[in-house]
Amino acid sequence: MVRQHVNPLSRFYQLPRPLPLPAELFAEPNLPLHLDIGTARGRCLLELAQRQPRWNHLGLEIRRPLVAAAQADCQALGLTNLHYLFCNANVSLAPWLAALPPGLLERVSIQFPDPWFKKKHHKRRVLQPELALALAGAQQSGHELFVQSDVLAVIESMVEVIEATGCYERPSGDARPWRLSNPLPVPTEREQLVLSQHLPVYRVLYQRTTVQPPTLVELQQQLAMGLEQTAKGADNPPRSDALP
């Protein structure tokens, strides 16, 4: 039985793992690359690779048995534009992103990541500031970053980190605060389950701008300022007798 969650901060998952570059993974490595972080069992990406054969699709997952099963499905179908890798994205992904050919990473998706509800566990969430900066550094203007979750606190934390980088903007026509539909033609299994129960899914699509990424220290300062402003707002709620 595969564990539903693993602690990404445990010693085993903190070991850096060199990841093979696209030339070692795909038959046509120069095709546009879609990176799905936290791909779970990989069935969404499996279907997507068949529908979009002129894209390469790479799924990353921290639970090794799920990666093995997903890769077996890929090989059974003989797909040469799809691959799955086992790794902790916050440990092993940044050097890989930095080594990519410029302009290759056209789409990144983070869909229904582990929520880690307790505040002391928030540092286990997948989209940490370092990873957000690495993604911004690897993408070029117009490239996409798509995030979605059925947990409001999780999507809000991802939005906070992404927007604090200053490197992404939402398409002008998208609904606010949440996009109404999935821009990908294939939903994840989690998405199908949530929608079948008539529960909300919170989605945001971003496009990379031409803004250069800040330093990690600058990003951390920006996030700290946002937390401070939120705390002040909580300490000073608007008075019920205030004038409109």
C-alpha atoms as a PDB file:
ATOM      1  CA  MET A   1       0.000   0.000   0.000  1.00  0.00           C
ATOM      2  CA  VAL A   2       1.362   3.429  -0.959  1.00  0.00           C
ATOM      3  CA  ARG A   3       1.423   6.033   1.810  1.00  0.00           C
ATOM      4  CA  GLN A   4      -0.851   8.976   1.124  1.00  0.00           C
ATOM      5  CA  HIS A   5       1.765  11.452   2.329  1.00  0.00           C
ATOM      6  CA  VAL A   6       5.512  11.323   2.902  1.00  0.00           C
ATOM      7  CA  ASN A   7       7.532  13.861   4.852  1.00  0.00           C
ATOM      8  CA  PRO A   8       9.660  15.720   2.272  1.00  0.00           C
ATOM      9  CA  LEU A   9      11.898  17.025   5.072  1.00  0.00           C
ATOM     10  CA  SER A  10      12.976  13.574   6.264  1.00  0.00           C
ATOM     11  CA  ARG A  11      16.603  12.646   5.660  1.00  0.00           C
ATOM     12  CA  PHE A  12      15.853  10.205   2.828  1.00  0.00           C
ATOM     13  CA  TYR A  13      13.930  12.776   0.780  1.00  0.00           C
ATOM     14  CA  GLN A  14      16.501  15.501   1.422  1.00  0.00           C
ATOM     15  CA  LEU A  15      19.156  13.649  -0.580  1.00  0.00           C
ATOM     16  CA  PRO A  16      19.786  15.472  -3.896  1.00  0.00           C
ATOM     17  CA  ARG A  17      19.108  13.290  -6.921  1.00  0.00           C
ATOM     18  CA  PRO A  18      20.596  14.314 -10.283  1.00  0.00           C
ATOM     19  CA  LEU A  19      17.800  14.353 -12.854  1.00  0.00           C
ATOM     20  CA  PRO A  20      18.366  13.421 -16.517  1.00  0.00           C
ATOM     21  CA  LEU A  21      17.919  16.249 -19.003  1.00  0.00           C
ATOM     22  CA  PRO A  22      15.265  16.093 -21.777  1.00  0.00           C
ATOM     23  CA  ALA A  23      17.771  14.708 -24.297  1.00  0.00           C
ATOM     24  CA  GLU A  24      17.950  11.564 -22.143  1.00  0.00           C
ATOM     25  CA  LEU A  25      14.207  11.300 -21.602  1.00  0.00           C
ATOM     26  CA  PHE A  26      12.424  12.023 -24.873  1.00  0.00           C
ATOM     27  CA  ALA A  27      12.699  10.958 -28.512  1.00  0.00           C
ATOM     28  CA  GLU A  28      12.341  14.599 -29.612  1.00  0.00           C
ATOM     29  CA  PRO A  29      13.829  16.629 -26.740  1.00  0.00           C
ATOM     30  CA  ASN A  30      13.335  19.998 -28.458  1.00  0.00           C
ATOM     31  CA  LEU A  31       9.539  19.829 -28.307  1.00  0.00           C
ATOM     32  CA  PRO A  32       7.848  22.226 -25.849  1.00  0.00           C
ATOM     33  CA  LEU A  33       8.074  20.836 -22.328  1.00  0.00           C
ATOM     34  CA  HIS A  34       5.243  20.495 -19.812  1.00  0.00           C
ATOM     35  CA  LEU A  35       6.421  19.853 -16.243  1.00  0.00           C
ATOM     36  CA  ASP A  36       3.836  18.494 -13.790  1.00  0.00           C
ATOM     37  CA  ILE A  37       5.048  18.713 -10.181  1.00  0.00           C
ATOM     38  CA  GLY A  38       3.392  16.220  -7.853  1.00  0.00           C
ATOM     39  CA  THR A  39       1.931  14.057 -10.593  1.00  0.00           C
ATOM     40  CA  ALA A  40       0.770  11.277  -8.211  1.00  0.00           C
ATOM     41  CA  ARG A  41      -0.230   8.117 -10.153  1.00  0.00           C
ATOM     42  CA  GLY A  42       0.281  10.009 -13.404  1.00  0.00           C
ATOM     43  CA  ARG A  43      -2.937   9.071 -15.200  1.00  0.00           C
ATOM     44  CA  CYS A  44      -3.754  12.671 -16.109  1.00  0.00           C
ATOM     45  CA  LEU A  45      -0.367  13.147 -17.740  1.00  0.00           C
ATOM     46  CA  LEU A  46      -0.650   9.748 -19.449  1.00  0.00           C
ATOM     47  CA  GLU A  47      -3.818  10.866 -21.228  1.00  0.00           C
ATOM     48  CA  LEU A  48      -2.460  14.335 -21.887  1.00  0.00           C
ATOM     49  CA  ALA A  49       0.651  12.960 -23.610  1.00  0.00           C
ATOM     50  CA  GLN A  50      -1.558  11.023 -26.021  1.00  0.00           C
ATOM     51  CA  ARG A  51      -3.719  14.049 -26.764  1.00  0.00           C
ATOM     52  CA  GLN A  52      -0.750  16.395 -27.180  1.00  0.00           C
ATOM     53  CA  PRO A  53       1.900  14.384 -29.053  1.00  0.00           C
ATOM     54  CA  ARG A  54       3.826  17.515 -30.084  1.00  0.00           C
ATOM     55  CA  TRP A  55       4.595  18.276 -26.447  1.00  0.00           C
ATOM     56  CA  ASN A  56       6.940  16.476 -24.077  1.00  0.00           C
ATOM     57  CA  HIS A  57       5.456  15.798 -20.654  1.00  0.00           C
ATOM     58  CA  LEU A  58       7.461  15.176 -17.487  1.00  0.00           C
ATOM     59  CA  GLY A  59       5.812  14.174 -14.227  1.00  0.00           C
ATOM     60  CA  LEU A  60       7.646  14.492 -10.911  1.00  0.00           C
ATOM     61  CA  GLU A  61       6.479  12.629  -7.825  1.00  0.00           C
ATOM     62  CA  ILE A  62       7.976  12.110  -4.369  1.00  0.00           C
ATOM     63  CA  ARG A  63       6.345   8.691  -3.795  1.00  0.00           C
ATOM     64  CA  ARG A  64       8.555   6.205  -5.603  1.00  0.00           C
ATOM     65  CA  PRO A  65       5.991   3.360  -5.999  1.00  0.00           C
ATOM     66  CA  LEU A  66       3.654   5.728  -7.836  1.00  0.00           C
ATOM     67  CA  VAL A  67       6.475   6.735 -10.188  1.00  0.00           C
ATOM     68  CA  ALA A  68       7.268   3.092 -10.964  1.00  0.00           C
ATOM     69  CA  ALA A  69       3.630   2.325 -11.730  1.00  0.00           C
ATOM     70  CA  ALA A  70       3.184   5.432 -13.878  1.00  0.00           C
ATOM     71  CA  GLN A  71       6.371   4.770 -15.856  1.00  0.00           C
ATOM     72  CA  ALA A  72       5.246   1.177 -16.469  1.00  0.00           C
ATOM     73  CA  ASP A  73       2.011   2.510 -17.996  1.00  0.00           C
ATOM     74  CA  CYS A  74       4.017   4.881 -20.189  1.00  0.00           C
ATOM     75  CA  GLN A  75       6.278   2.111 -21.439  1.00  0.00           C
ATOM     76  CA  ALA A  76       3.345  -0.238 -22.069  1.00  0.00           C
ATOM     77  CA  LEU A  77       1.879   2.328 -24.462  1.00  0.00           C
ATOM     78  CA  GLY A  78       5.238   3.046 -26.071  1.00  0.00           C
ATOM     79  CA  LEU A  79       4.981   6.785 -25.461  1.00  0.00           C
ATOM     80  CA  THR A  80       8.198   8.614 -26.265  1.00  0.00           C
ATOM     81  CA  ASN A  81       6.945  12.079 -25.251  1.00  0.00           C
ATOM     82  CA  LEU A  82       6.225  11.168 -21.620  1.00  0.00           C
ATOM     83  CA  HIS A  83       8.394  10.325 -18.639  1.00  0.00           C
ATOM     84  CA  TYR A  84       8.042  10.154 -14.853  1.00  0.00           C
ATOM     85  CA  LEU A  85      10.800  10.783 -12.321  1.00  0.00           C
ATOM     86  CA  PHE A  86      11.101  10.241  -8.587  1.00  0.00           C
ATOM     87  CA  CYS A  87      12.434  13.232  -6.673  1.00  0.00           C
ATOM     88  CA  ASN A  88      11.790  15.878  -4.049  1.00  0.00           C
ATOM     89  CA  ALA A  89      11.176  18.959  -6.197  1.00  0.00           C
ATOM     90  CA  ASN A  90      12.433  21.327  -3.517  1.00  0.00           C
ATOM     91  CA  VAL A  91      15.753  19.509  -3.306  1.00  0.00           C
ATOM     92  CA  SER A  92      16.600  18.281  -6.812  1.00  0.00           C
ATOM     93  CA  LEU A  93      14.705  20.408  -9.307  1.00  0.00           C
ATOM     94  CA  ALA A  94      16.504  23.786  -9.247  1.00  0.00           C
ATOM     95  CA  PRO A  95      19.801  22.582 -10.816  1.00  0.00           C
ATOM     96  CA  TRP A  96      17.840  20.703 -13.487  1.00  0.00           C
ATOM     97  CA  LEU A  97      15.796  23.794 -14.329  1.00  0.00           C
ATOM     98  CA  ALA A  98      18.943  25.920 -14.564  1.00  0.00           C
ATOM     99  CA  ALA A  99      20.444  23.466 -17.070  1.00  0.00           C
ATOM    100  CA  LEU A 100      17.438  23.438 -19.433  1.00  0.00           C
ATOM    101  CA  PRO A 101      17.840  24.982 -22.893  1.00  0.00           C
ATOM    102  CA  PRO A 102      16.341  28.498 -22.873  1.00  0.00           C
ATOM    103  CA  GLY A 103      12.683  28.619 -23.845  1.00  0.00           C
ATOM    104  CA  LEU A 104      12.033  24.873 -23.540  1.00  0.00           C
ATOM    105  CA  LEU A 105       9.875  24.891 -20.383  1.00  0.00           C
ATOM    106  CA  GLU A 106       6.626  26.305 -21.744  1.00  0.00           C
ATOM    107  CA  ARG A 107       4.198  24.965 -19.139  1.00  0.00           C
ATOM    108  CA  VAL A 108       4.355  24.065 -15.449  1.00  0.00           C
ATOM    109  CA  SER A 109       1.445  22.646 -13.467  1.00  0.00           C
ATOM    110  CA  ILE A 110       1.024  22.023  -9.741  1.00  0.00           C
ATOM    111  CA  GLN A 111      -2.291  20.304  -9.194  1.00  0.00           C
ATOM    112  CA  PHE A 112      -3.837  19.398  -5.841  1.00  0.00           C
ATOM    113  CA  PRO A 113      -0.575  19.244  -3.865  1.00  0.00           C
ATOM    114  CA  ASP A 114      -0.497  17.708  -0.402  1.00  0.00           C
ATOM    115  CA  PRO A 115      -2.156  20.311   1.865  1.00  0.00           C
ATOM    116  CA  TRP A 116      -0.136  19.914   5.097  1.00  0.00           C
ATOM    117  CA  PHE A 117      -2.788  21.701   7.129  1.00  0.00           C
ATOM    118  CA  LYS A 118      -0.903  22.310  10.392  1.00  0.00           C
ATOM    119  CA  LYS A 119       1.028  25.579  10.482  1.00  0.00           C
ATOM    120  CA  LYS A 120       4.196  23.816  11.684  1.00  0.00           C
ATOM    121  CA  HIS A 121       3.989  21.636   8.548  1.00  0.00           C
ATOM    122  CA  HIS A 122       3.607  24.472   6.015  1.00  0.00           C
ATOM    123  CA  LYS A 123       7.335  24.222   5.237  1.00  0.00           C
ATOM    124  CA  ARG A 124       6.548  20.773   3.802  1.00  0.00           C
ATOM    125  CA  ARG A 125       4.284  22.259   1.105  1.00  0.00           C
ATOM    126  CA  VAL A 126       5.640  21.912  -2.400  1.00  0.00           C
ATOM    127  CA  LEU A 127       5.714  25.523  -3.626  1.00  0.00           C
ATOM    128  CA  GLN A 128       8.432  27.045  -1.456  1.00  0.00           C
ATOM    129  CA  PRO A 129      10.060  30.398  -2.379  1.00  0.00           C
ATOM    130  CA  GLU A 130      13.215  28.732  -3.710  1.00  0.00           C
ATOM    131  CA  LEU A 131      11.216  26.572  -6.105  1.00  0.00           C
ATOM    132  CA  ALA A 132       9.111  29.516  -7.289  1.00  0.00           C
ATOM    133  CA  LEU A 133      12.291  31.415  -8.159  1.00  0.00           C
ATOM    134  CA  ALA A 134      13.769  28.425  -9.971  1.00  0.00           C
ATOM    135  CA  LEU A 135      10.624  28.076 -12.076  1.00  0.00           C
ATOM    136  CA  ALA A 136      10.594  31.777 -12.904  1.00  0.00           C
ATOM    137  CA  GLY A 137      14.245  31.589 -13.901  1.00  0.00           C
ATOM    138  CA  ALA A 138      13.569  28.698 -16.288  1.00  0.00           C
ATOM    139  CA  GLN A 139      10.527  30.138 -18.031  1.00  0.00           C
ATOM    140  CA  GLN A 140      10.368  32.881 -20.640  1.00  0.00           C
ATOM    141  CA  SER A 141       7.765  35.532 -21.374  1.00  0.00           C
ATOM    142  CA  GLY A 142       4.334  34.082 -22.131  1.00  0.00           C
ATOM    143  CA  HIS A 143       5.052  30.641 -20.698  1.00  0.00           C
ATOM    144  CA  GLU A 144       2.448  29.227 -18.341  1.00  0.00           C
ATOM    145  CA  LEU A 145       2.269  28.274 -14.673  1.00  0.00           C
ATOM    146  CA  PHE A 146      -1.009  26.620 -13.655  1.00  0.00           C
ATOM    147  CA  VAL A 147      -1.958  25.844 -10.064  1.00  0.00           C
ATOM    148  CA  GLN A 148      -5.124  24.368  -8.621  1.00  0.00           C
ATOM    149  CA  SER A 149      -6.395  22.889  -5.360  1.00  0.00           C
ATOM    150  CA  ASP A 150      -9.616  22.088  -3.562  1.00  0.00           C
ATOM    151  CA  VAL A 151      -8.175  23.536  -0.328  1.00  0.00           C
ATOM    152  CA  LEU A 152      -8.506  27.314  -0.159  1.00  0.00           C
ATOM    153  CA  ALA A 153      -5.572  27.801   2.232  1.00  0.00           C
ATOM    154  CA  VAL A 154      -3.292  25.836  -0.086  1.00  0.00           C
ATOM    155  CA  ILE A 155      -4.134  27.776  -3.245  1.00  0.00           C
ATOM    156  CA  GLU A 156      -3.882  31.062  -1.350  1.00  0.00           C
ATOM    157  CA  SER A 157      -0.383  30.191  -0.165  1.00  0.00           C
ATOM    158  CA  MET A 158       0.689  29.274  -3.724  1.00  0.00           C
ATOM    159  CA  VAL A 159      -0.768  32.511  -5.090  1.00  0.00           C
ATOM    160  CA  GLU A 160       1.031  34.485  -2.387  1.00  0.00           C
ATOM    161  CA  VAL A 161       4.421  33.017  -3.284  1.00  0.00           C
ATOM    162  CA  ILE A 162       3.962  33.257  -7.056  1.00  0.00           C
ATOM    163  CA  GLU A 163       2.724  36.844  -7.026  1.00  0.00           C
ATOM    164  CA  ALA A 164       5.422  37.928  -4.576  1.00  0.00           C
ATOM    165  CA  THR A 165       8.045  37.029  -7.190  1.00  0.00           C
ATOM    166  CA  GLY A 166       6.611  39.711  -9.472  1.00  0.00           C
ATOM    167  CA  CYS A 167       7.390  37.458 -12.452  1.00  0.00           C
ATOM    168  CA  TYR A 168       3.899  36.282 -13.379  1.00  0.00           C
ATOM    169  CA  GLU A 169       0.561  37.814 -14.296  1.00  0.00           C
ATOM    170  CA  ARG A 170      -2.887  36.421 -14.912  1.00  0.00           C
ATOM    171  CA  PRO A 171      -4.417  36.523 -18.416  1.00  0.00           C
ATOM    172  CA  SER A 172      -6.578  39.615 -18.656  1.00  0.00           C
ATOM    173  CA  GLY A 173      -9.696  37.629 -19.540  1.00  0.00           C
ATOM    174  CA  ASP A 174      -9.530  35.202 -16.614  1.00  0.00           C
ATOM    175  CA  ALA A 175     -12.067  35.459 -13.807  1.00  0.00           C
ATOM    176  CA  ARG A 176     -10.893  36.686 -10.391  1.00  0.00           C
ATOM    177  CA  PRO A 177     -10.062  35.443  -7.857  1.00  0.00           C
ATOM    178  CA  TRP A 178     -10.325  31.961  -9.375  1.00  0.00           C
ATOM    179  CA  ARG A 179     -10.329  30.759 -12.942  1.00  0.00           C
ATOM    180  CA  LEU A 180     -13.596  29.053 -13.873  1.00  0.00           C
ATOM    181  CA  SER A 181     -12.173  26.137 -15.870  1.00  0.00           C
ATOM    182  CA  ASN A 182      -9.089  23.985 -16.218  1.00  0.00           C
ATOM    183  CA  PRO A 183      -6.937  25.166 -19.161  1.00  0.00           C
ATOM    184  CA  LEU A 184      -5.694  21.604 -19.625  1.00  0.00           C
ATOM    185  CA  PRO A 185      -7.916  19.234 -21.623  1.00  0.00           C
ATOM    186  CA  VAL A 186      -7.573  16.404 -19.089  1.00  0.00           C
ATOM    187  CA  PRO A 187      -8.630  16.661 -15.417  1.00  0.00           C
ATOM    188  CA  THR A 188      -6.763  14.878 -12.648  1.00  0.00           C
ATOM    189  CA  GLU A 189      -8.417  12.069 -10.725  1.00  0.00           C
ATOM    190  CA  ARG A 190      -8.641  14.326  -7.683  1.00  0.00           C
ATOM    191  CA  GLU A 191     -10.309  17.034  -9.738  1.00  0.00           C
ATOM    192  CA  GLN A 192     -12.894  14.594 -11.079  1.00  0.00           C
ATOM    193  CA  LEU A 193     -13.659  13.380  -7.549  1.00  0.00           C
ATOM    194  CA  VAL A 194     -14.069  16.882  -6.120  1.00  0.00           C
ATOM    195  CA  LEU A 195     -16.285  18.052  -8.974  1.00  0.00           C
ATOM    196  CA  SER A 196     -18.427  14.903  -8.739  1.00  0.00           C
ATOM    197  CA  GLN A 197     -19.163  15.907  -5.139  1.00  0.00           C
ATOM    198  CA  HIS A 198     -20.112  19.427  -6.282  1.00  0.00           C
ATOM    199  CA  LEU A 199     -17.288  20.946  -4.266  1.00  0.00           C
ATOM    200  CA  PRO A 200     -15.214  23.942  -5.395  1.00  0.00           C
ATOM    201  CA  VAL A 201     -11.896  23.782  -7.207  1.00  0.00           C
ATOM    202  CA  TYR A 202      -9.707  26.889  -6.965  1.00  0.00           C
ATOM    203  CA  ARG A 203      -7.610  27.524 -10.083  1.00  0.00           C
ATOM    204  CA  VAL A 204      -5.193  30.201 -11.242  1.00  0.00           C
ATOM    205  CA  LEU A 205      -3.353  30.370 -14.555  1.00  0.00           C
ATOM    206  CA  TYR A 206      -0.268  32.595 -14.754  1.00  0.00           C
ATOM    207  CA  GLN A 207       1.846  33.747 -17.657  1.00  0.00           C
ATOM    208  CA  ARG A 208       5.518  34.594 -17.297  1.00  0.00           C
ATOM    209  CA  THR A 209       6.358  38.267 -17.753  1.00  0.00           C
ATOM    210  CA  THR A 210       9.683  39.818 -18.722  1.00  0.00           C
ATOM    211  CA  VAL A 211      10.446  40.812 -15.115  1.00  0.00           C
ATOM    212  CA  GLN A 212      13.675  39.343 -13.778  1.00  0.00           C
ATOM    213  CA  PRO A 213      13.297  37.178 -10.654  1.00  0.00           C
ATOM    214  CA  PRO A 214      14.239  38.772  -7.329  1.00  0.00           C
ATOM    215  CA  THR A 215      16.853  37.288  -5.052  1.00  0.00           C
ATOM    216  CA  LEU A 216      15.713  34.786  -2.453  1.00  0.00           C
ATOM    217  CA  VAL A 217      16.282  37.361   0.289  1.00  0.00           C
ATOM    218  CA  GLU A 218      14.160  39.918  -1.562  1.00  0.00           C
ATOM    219  CA  LEU A 219      11.374  37.395  -2.062  1.00  0.00           C
ATOM    220  CA  GLN A 220      11.446  36.359   1.583  1.00  0.00           C
ATOM    221  CA  GLN A 221      11.255  40.013   2.617  1.00  0.00           C
ATOM    222  CA  GLN A 222       8.288  40.559   0.310  1.00  0.00           C
ATOM    223  CA  LEU A 223       6.500  37.555   1.792  1.00  0.00           C
ATOM    224  CA  ALA A 224       7.260  38.720   5.334  1.00  0.00           C
ATOM    225  CA  MET A 225       5.777  42.134   4.545  1.00  0.00           C
ATOM    226  CA  GLY A 226       2.639  40.459   3.250  1.00  0.00           C
ATOM    227  CA  LEU A 227       2.298  38.408   6.439  1.00  0.00           C
ATOM    228  CA  GLU A 228       2.816  41.518   8.554  1.00  0.00           C
ATOM    229  CA  GLN A 229       0.103  43.399   6.686  1.00  0.00           C
ATOM    230  CA  THR A 230      -2.268  40.455   7.056  1.00  0.00           C
ATOM    231  CA  ALA A 231      -1.593  40.323  10.790  1.00  0.00           C
ATOM    232  CA  LYS A 232      -2.237  44.050  11.164  1.00  0.00           C
ATOM    233  CA  GLY A 233      -5.518  43.669   9.313  1.00  0.00           C
ATOM    234  CA  ALA A 234      -6.552  40.872  11.673  1.00  0.00           C
ATOM    235  CA  ASP A 235      -5.622  42.971  14.727  1.00  0.00           C
ATOM    236  CA  ASN A 236      -7.532  45.974  13.434  1.00  0.00           C
ATOM    237  CA  PRO A 237     -10.779  44.802  11.835  1.00  0.00           C
ATOM    238  CA  PRO A 238     -13.044  47.462  10.357  1.00  0.00           C
ATOM    239  CA  ARG A 239     -15.479  49.002  12.855  1.00  0.00           C
ATOM    240  CA  SER A 240     -19.104  48.123  12.359  1.00  0.00           C
ATOM    241  CA  ASP A 241     -20.070  51.782  12.887  1.00  0.00           C
ATOM    242  CA  ALA A 242     -17.518  53.114  10.391  1.00  0.00           C
ATOM    243  CA  LEU A 243     -18.823  55.404   7.700  1.00  0.00           C
ATOM    244  CA  PRO A 244     -19.089  53.891   4.190  1.00  0.00           C
END
